[in-house]
Amino acid sequence: MSAGDEISELIRHQLEIVRARRASLEARALAAISSAGVLVMLQLTLVTAFSSQKELSSTSRLLVGISSVLLALSCLGGILGNLPRRSHDLDPDTIESAVDFAHWAAPNHEAGRAIARARLQVLRSEDSAAQRQAFCLLGAFFCEMLGISVIASAVLVQIYS
């Protein structure tokens, strides 16, 4: 196996890793959306329980509002992380240009180099998309944790006021 073959195989392996990472990020984004929905239901239950006993304090109402916005932002981050995007594979026109007769007569190492370049281009594109997904997911989890903290504060304010 030549050095070029090894490099091509390395790029192929990295592409598999990045695609697995993207699939994992998509699953975690769905989990963020689901958990934020559950937290909103819990929040509404707590508000209903407290408001049936006595009027919610203005501080508690403000904190519940802030928490609602943060949980909505968490859902938005999960949704943005899962937006359908254009496939990052090579388009047929790019592949068709490589099928030109002149390429068929070229030595194998030239074809291997062209294939490695194409895979590297796909790898860059996939990695960039994974970075965007990770950023959206990080924002979703951050907003969710802040939302939980704020609703917990609202409960404490309501209990001790």
C-alpha atoms as a PDB file:
ATOM      1  CA  MET A   1       0.000   0.000   0.000  1.00  0.00           C
ATOM      2  CA  SER A   2       1.410   3.380  -0.983  1.00  0.00           C
ATOM      3  CA  ALA A   3       1.533   6.522   1.138  1.00  0.00           C
ATOM      4  CA  GLY A   4      -1.250   7.978  -0.993  1.00  0.00           C
ATOM      5  CA  ASP A   5      -3.446   4.958  -0.275  1.00  0.00           C
ATOM      6  CA  GLU A   6      -2.771   5.354   3.439  1.00  0.00           C
ATOM      7  CA  ILE A   7      -3.676   9.047   3.346  1.00  0.00           C
ATOM      8  CA  SER A   8      -6.852   8.306   1.401  1.00  0.00           C
ATOM      9  CA  GLU A   9      -7.803   5.645   3.948  1.00  0.00           C
ATOM     10  CA  LEU A  10      -7.121   8.073   6.807  1.00  0.00           C
ATOM     11  CA  ILE A  11      -9.409  10.669   5.223  1.00  0.00           C
ATOM     12  CA  ARG A  12     -12.118   8.029   4.716  1.00  0.00           C
ATOM     13  CA  HIS A  13     -11.838   6.997   8.376  1.00  0.00           C
ATOM     14  CA  GLN A  14     -12.024  10.616   9.576  1.00  0.00           C
ATOM     15  CA  LEU A  15     -15.113  11.160   7.455  1.00  0.00           C
ATOM     16  CA  GLU A  16     -16.789   8.164   9.111  1.00  0.00           C
ATOM     17  CA  ILE A  17     -15.936   9.599  12.541  1.00  0.00           C
ATOM     18  CA  VAL A  18     -17.365  13.031  11.707  1.00  0.00           C
ATOM     19  CA  ARG A  19     -20.559  11.512  10.298  1.00  0.00           C
ATOM     20  CA  ALA A  20     -21.000   9.432  13.450  1.00  0.00           C
ATOM     21  CA  ARG A  21     -20.444  12.591  15.518  1.00  0.00           C
ATOM     22  CA  ARG A  22     -23.122  14.434  13.545  1.00  0.00           C
ATOM     23  CA  ALA A  23     -25.592  11.590  14.090  1.00  0.00           C
ATOM     24  CA  SER A  24     -24.833  11.697  17.813  1.00  0.00           C
ATOM     25  CA  LEU A  25     -25.328  15.477  17.915  1.00  0.00           C
ATOM     26  CA  GLU A  26     -28.675  15.130  16.142  1.00  0.00           C
ATOM     27  CA  ALA A  27     -29.831  12.569  18.712  1.00  0.00           C
ATOM     28  CA  ARG A  28     -28.733  14.807  21.582  1.00  0.00           C
ATOM     29  CA  ALA A  29     -30.511  17.792  20.031  1.00  0.00           C
ATOM     30  CA  LEU A  30     -33.735  15.766  19.979  1.00  0.00           C
ATOM     31  CA  ALA A  31     -33.162  14.921  23.628  1.00  0.00           C
ATOM     32  CA  ALA A  32     -32.730  18.630  24.419  1.00  0.00           C
ATOM     33  CA  ILE A  33     -36.034  19.431  22.734  1.00  0.00           C
ATOM     34  CA  SER A  34     -37.830  16.625  24.576  1.00  0.00           C
ATOM     35  CA  SER A  35     -36.396  17.475  27.978  1.00  0.00           C
ATOM     36  CA  ALA A  36     -37.209  21.168  27.547  1.00  0.00           C
ATOM     37  CA  GLY A  37     -40.804  20.192  26.758  1.00  0.00           C
ATOM     38  CA  VAL A  38     -40.976  18.063  29.909  1.00  0.00           C
ATOM     39  CA  LEU A  39     -39.507  20.926  31.945  1.00  0.00           C
ATOM     40  CA  VAL A  40     -42.124  23.344  30.610  1.00  0.00           C
ATOM     41  CA  MET A  41     -44.854  20.904  31.663  1.00  0.00           C
ATOM     42  CA  LEU A  42     -43.281  20.641  35.114  1.00  0.00           C
ATOM     43  CA  GLN A  43     -43.041  24.409  35.281  1.00  0.00           C
ATOM     44  CA  LEU A  44     -46.728  24.807  34.443  1.00  0.00           C
ATOM     45  CA  THR A  45     -47.614  22.198  37.061  1.00  0.00           C
ATOM     46  CA  LEU A  46     -45.629  24.045  39.713  1.00  0.00           C
ATOM     47  CA  VAL A  47     -47.167  27.381  38.779  1.00  0.00           C
ATOM     48  CA  THR A  48     -50.654  25.883  38.943  1.00  0.00           C
ATOM     49  CA  ALA A  49     -49.965  24.245  42.305  1.00  0.00           C
ATOM     50  CA  PHE A  50     -48.550  27.412  43.851  1.00  0.00           C
ATOM     51  CA  SER A  51     -51.137  29.746  42.404  1.00  0.00           C
ATOM     52  CA  SER A  52     -53.982  27.634  43.764  1.00  0.00           C
ATOM     53  CA  GLN A  53     -52.625  28.105  47.283  1.00  0.00           C
ATOM     54  CA  LYS A  54     -51.941  31.834  47.085  1.00  0.00           C
ATOM     55  CA  GLU A  55     -51.176  34.558  44.567  1.00  0.00           C
ATOM     56  CA  LEU A  56     -47.799  34.220  42.876  1.00  0.00           C
ATOM     57  CA  SER A  57     -45.435  36.974  43.949  1.00  0.00           C
ATOM     58  CA  SER A  58     -44.290  39.398  41.295  1.00  0.00           C
ATOM     59  CA  THR A  59     -40.730  38.080  41.662  1.00  0.00           C
ATOM     60  CA  SER A  60     -41.923  34.502  41.118  1.00  0.00           C
ATOM     61  CA  ARG A  61     -43.918  35.558  38.050  1.00  0.00           C
ATOM     62  CA  LEU A  62     -40.875  37.316  36.625  1.00  0.00           C
ATOM     63  CA  LEU A  63     -38.678  34.274  37.259  1.00  0.00           C
ATOM     64  CA  VAL A  64     -41.250  31.941  35.666  1.00  0.00           C
ATOM     65  CA  GLY A  65     -41.336  34.197  32.613  1.00  0.00           C
ATOM     66  CA  ILE A  66     -37.554  34.224  32.343  1.00  0.00           C
ATOM     67  CA  SER A  67     -37.460  30.456  32.741  1.00  0.00           C
ATOM     68  CA  SER A  68     -40.072  30.041  30.008  1.00  0.00           C
ATOM     69  CA  VAL A  69     -37.989  32.127  27.608  1.00  0.00           C
ATOM     70  CA  LEU A  70     -34.838  30.148  28.432  1.00  0.00           C
ATOM     71  CA  LEU A  71     -36.593  26.817  27.898  1.00  0.00           C
ATOM     72  CA  ALA A  72     -38.005  28.081  24.597  1.00  0.00           C
ATOM     73  CA  LEU A  73     -34.470  29.096  23.564  1.00  0.00           C
ATOM     74  CA  SER A  74     -33.300  25.622  24.515  1.00  0.00           C
ATOM     75  CA  CYS A  75     -35.888  24.115  22.180  1.00  0.00           C
ATOM     76  CA  LEU A  76     -34.817  26.528  19.465  1.00  0.00           C
ATOM     77  CA  GLY A  77     -31.174  25.466  19.859  1.00  0.00           C
ATOM     78  CA  GLY A  78     -32.179  21.821  19.522  1.00  0.00           C
ATOM     79  CA  ILE A  79     -34.263  22.583  16.454  1.00  0.00           C
ATOM     80  CA  LEU A  80     -31.445  24.581  14.840  1.00  0.00           C
ATOM     81  CA  GLY A  81     -29.087  21.682  15.526  1.00  0.00           C
ATOM     82  CA  ASN A  82     -31.401  19.394  13.590  1.00  0.00           C
ATOM     83  CA  LEU A  83     -32.367  21.600  10.677  1.00  0.00           C
ATOM     84  CA  PRO A  84     -32.275  19.712   7.412  1.00  0.00           C
ATOM     85  CA  ARG A  85     -29.188  20.682   5.520  1.00  0.00           C
ATOM     86  CA  ARG A  86     -27.913  19.959   2.068  1.00  0.00           C
ATOM     87  CA  SER A  87     -26.019  16.721   1.849  1.00  0.00           C
ATOM     88  CA  HIS A  88     -22.292  17.323   2.021  1.00  0.00           C
ATOM     89  CA  ASP A  89     -21.456  14.465  -0.306  1.00  0.00           C
ATOM     90  CA  LEU A  90     -20.133  15.140  -3.742  1.00  0.00           C
ATOM     91  CA  ASP A  91     -22.709  16.178  -6.263  1.00  0.00           C
ATOM     92  CA  PRO A  92     -23.094  14.064  -9.414  1.00  0.00           C
ATOM     93  CA  ASP A  93     -21.699  16.838 -11.651  1.00  0.00           C
ATOM     94  CA  THR A  94     -18.391  16.758  -9.782  1.00  0.00           C
ATOM     95  CA  ILE A  95     -18.181  13.006 -10.127  1.00  0.00           C
ATOM     96  CA  GLU A  96     -19.179  13.158 -13.780  1.00  0.00           C
ATOM     97  CA  SER A  97     -16.234  15.413 -14.609  1.00  0.00           C
ATOM     98  CA  ALA A  98     -13.922  12.755 -13.193  1.00  0.00           C
ATOM     99  CA  VAL A  99     -15.436  10.153 -15.522  1.00  0.00           C
ATOM    100  CA  ASP A 100     -14.042  12.014 -18.538  1.00  0.00           C
ATOM    101  CA  PHE A 101     -12.081   9.691 -20.842  1.00  0.00           C
ATOM    102  CA  ALA A 102      -8.795  11.499 -20.148  1.00  0.00           C
ATOM    103  CA  HIS A 103      -9.031  10.464 -16.502  1.00  0.00           C
ATOM    104  CA  TRP A 104      -9.558   6.803 -17.408  1.00  0.00           C
ATOM    105  CA  ALA A 105      -6.186   6.674 -19.106  1.00  0.00           C
ATOM    106  CA  ALA A 106      -4.387   8.451 -16.233  1.00  0.00           C
ATOM    107  CA  PRO A 107      -2.194   6.465 -13.828  1.00  0.00           C
ATOM    108  CA  ASN A 108      -3.805   5.114 -10.661  1.00  0.00           C
ATOM    109  CA  HIS A 109      -1.957   7.500  -8.375  1.00  0.00           C
ATOM    110  CA  GLU A 110      -3.562  10.490 -10.137  1.00  0.00           C
ATOM    111  CA  ALA A 111      -7.032   9.021  -9.636  1.00  0.00           C
ATOM    112  CA  GLY A 112      -6.193   8.243  -6.018  1.00  0.00           C
ATOM    113  CA  ARG A 113      -5.093  11.834  -5.469  1.00  0.00           C
ATOM    114  CA  ALA A 114      -8.314  13.177  -7.031  1.00  0.00           C
ATOM    115  CA  ILE A 115     -10.401  10.864  -4.862  1.00  0.00           C
ATOM    116  CA  ALA A 116      -8.481  11.889  -1.735  1.00  0.00           C
ATOM    117  CA  ARG A 117      -9.024  15.576  -2.561  1.00  0.00           C
ATOM    118  CA  ALA A 118     -12.742  14.986  -3.056  1.00  0.00           C
ATOM    119  CA  ARG A 119     -13.009  13.103   0.239  1.00  0.00           C
ATOM    120  CA  LEU A 120     -11.086  15.858   1.992  1.00  0.00           C
ATOM    121  CA  GLN A 121     -13.514  18.438   0.626  1.00  0.00           C
ATOM    122  CA  VAL A 122     -16.452  16.405   1.950  1.00  0.00           C
ATOM    123  CA  LEU A 123     -14.672  15.953   5.288  1.00  0.00           C
ATOM    124  CA  ARG A 124     -14.165  19.718   5.659  1.00  0.00           C
ATOM    125  CA  SER A 125     -17.802  20.376   4.864  1.00  0.00           C
ATOM    126  CA  GLU A 126     -19.076  17.691   7.259  1.00  0.00           C
ATOM    127  CA  ASP A 127     -16.765  18.875  10.037  1.00  0.00           C
ATOM    128  CA  SER A 128     -17.952  22.450   9.609  1.00  0.00           C
ATOM    129  CA  ALA A 129     -21.581  21.300   9.828  1.00  0.00           C
ATOM    130  CA  ALA A 130     -20.784  19.261  12.946  1.00  0.00           C
ATOM    131  CA  GLN A 131     -19.227  22.330  14.568  1.00  0.00           C
ATOM    132  CA  ARG A 132     -22.390  24.353  13.892  1.00  0.00           C
ATOM    133  CA  GLN A 133     -24.530  21.563  15.318  1.00  0.00           C
ATOM    134  CA  ALA A 134     -22.352  21.330  18.417  1.00  0.00           C
ATOM    135  CA  PHE A 135     -22.604  25.086  18.963  1.00  0.00           C
ATOM    136  CA  CYS A 136     -26.423  24.983  18.729  1.00  0.00           C
ATOM    137  CA  LEU A 137     -26.548  22.021  21.091  1.00  0.00           C
ATOM    138  CA  LEU A 138     -24.254  23.703  23.594  1.00  0.00           C
ATOM    139  CA  GLY A 139     -26.512  26.765  23.535  1.00  0.00           C
ATOM    140  CA  ALA A 140     -29.577  24.557  23.999  1.00  0.00           C
ATOM    141  CA  PHE A 141     -28.126  22.818  27.030  1.00  0.00           C
ATOM    142  CA  PHE A 142     -26.895  26.090  28.512  1.00  0.00           C
ATOM    143  CA  CYS A 143     -30.362  27.673  28.188  1.00  0.00           C
ATOM    144  CA  GLU A 144     -31.970  24.563  29.621  1.00  0.00           C
ATOM    145  CA  MET A 145     -29.712  24.582  32.669  1.00  0.00           C
ATOM    146  CA  LEU A 146     -30.341  28.282  33.208  1.00  0.00           C
ATOM    147  CA  GLY A 147     -34.086  27.693  32.807  1.00  0.00           C
ATOM    148  CA  ILE A 148     -34.001  24.977  35.461  1.00  0.00           C
ATOM    149  CA  SER A 149     -32.033  27.223  37.813  1.00  0.00           C
ATOM    150  CA  VAL A 150     -34.429  30.127  37.330  1.00  0.00           C
ATOM    151  CA  ILE A 151     -37.572  28.040  37.869  1.00  0.00           C
ATOM    152  CA  ALA A 152     -35.989  26.556  40.995  1.00  0.00           C
ATOM    153  CA  SER A 153     -35.364  30.104  42.183  1.00  0.00           C
ATOM    154  CA  ALA A 154     -38.988  30.977  41.486  1.00  0.00           C
ATOM    155  CA  VAL A 155     -40.127  28.031  43.590  1.00  0.00           C
ATOM    156  CA  LEU A 156     -37.856  29.076  46.453  1.00  0.00           C
ATOM    157  CA  VAL A 157     -39.032  32.682  46.281  1.00  0.00           C
ATOM    158  CA  GLN A 158     -42.658  31.527  46.324  1.00  0.00           C
ATOM    159  CA  ILE A 159     -42.111  29.162  49.246  1.00  0.00           C
ATOM    160  CA  TYR A 160     -40.301  31.714  51.386  1.00  0.00           C
ATOM    161  CA  SER A 161     -42.408  34.759  50.570  1.00  0.00           C
END
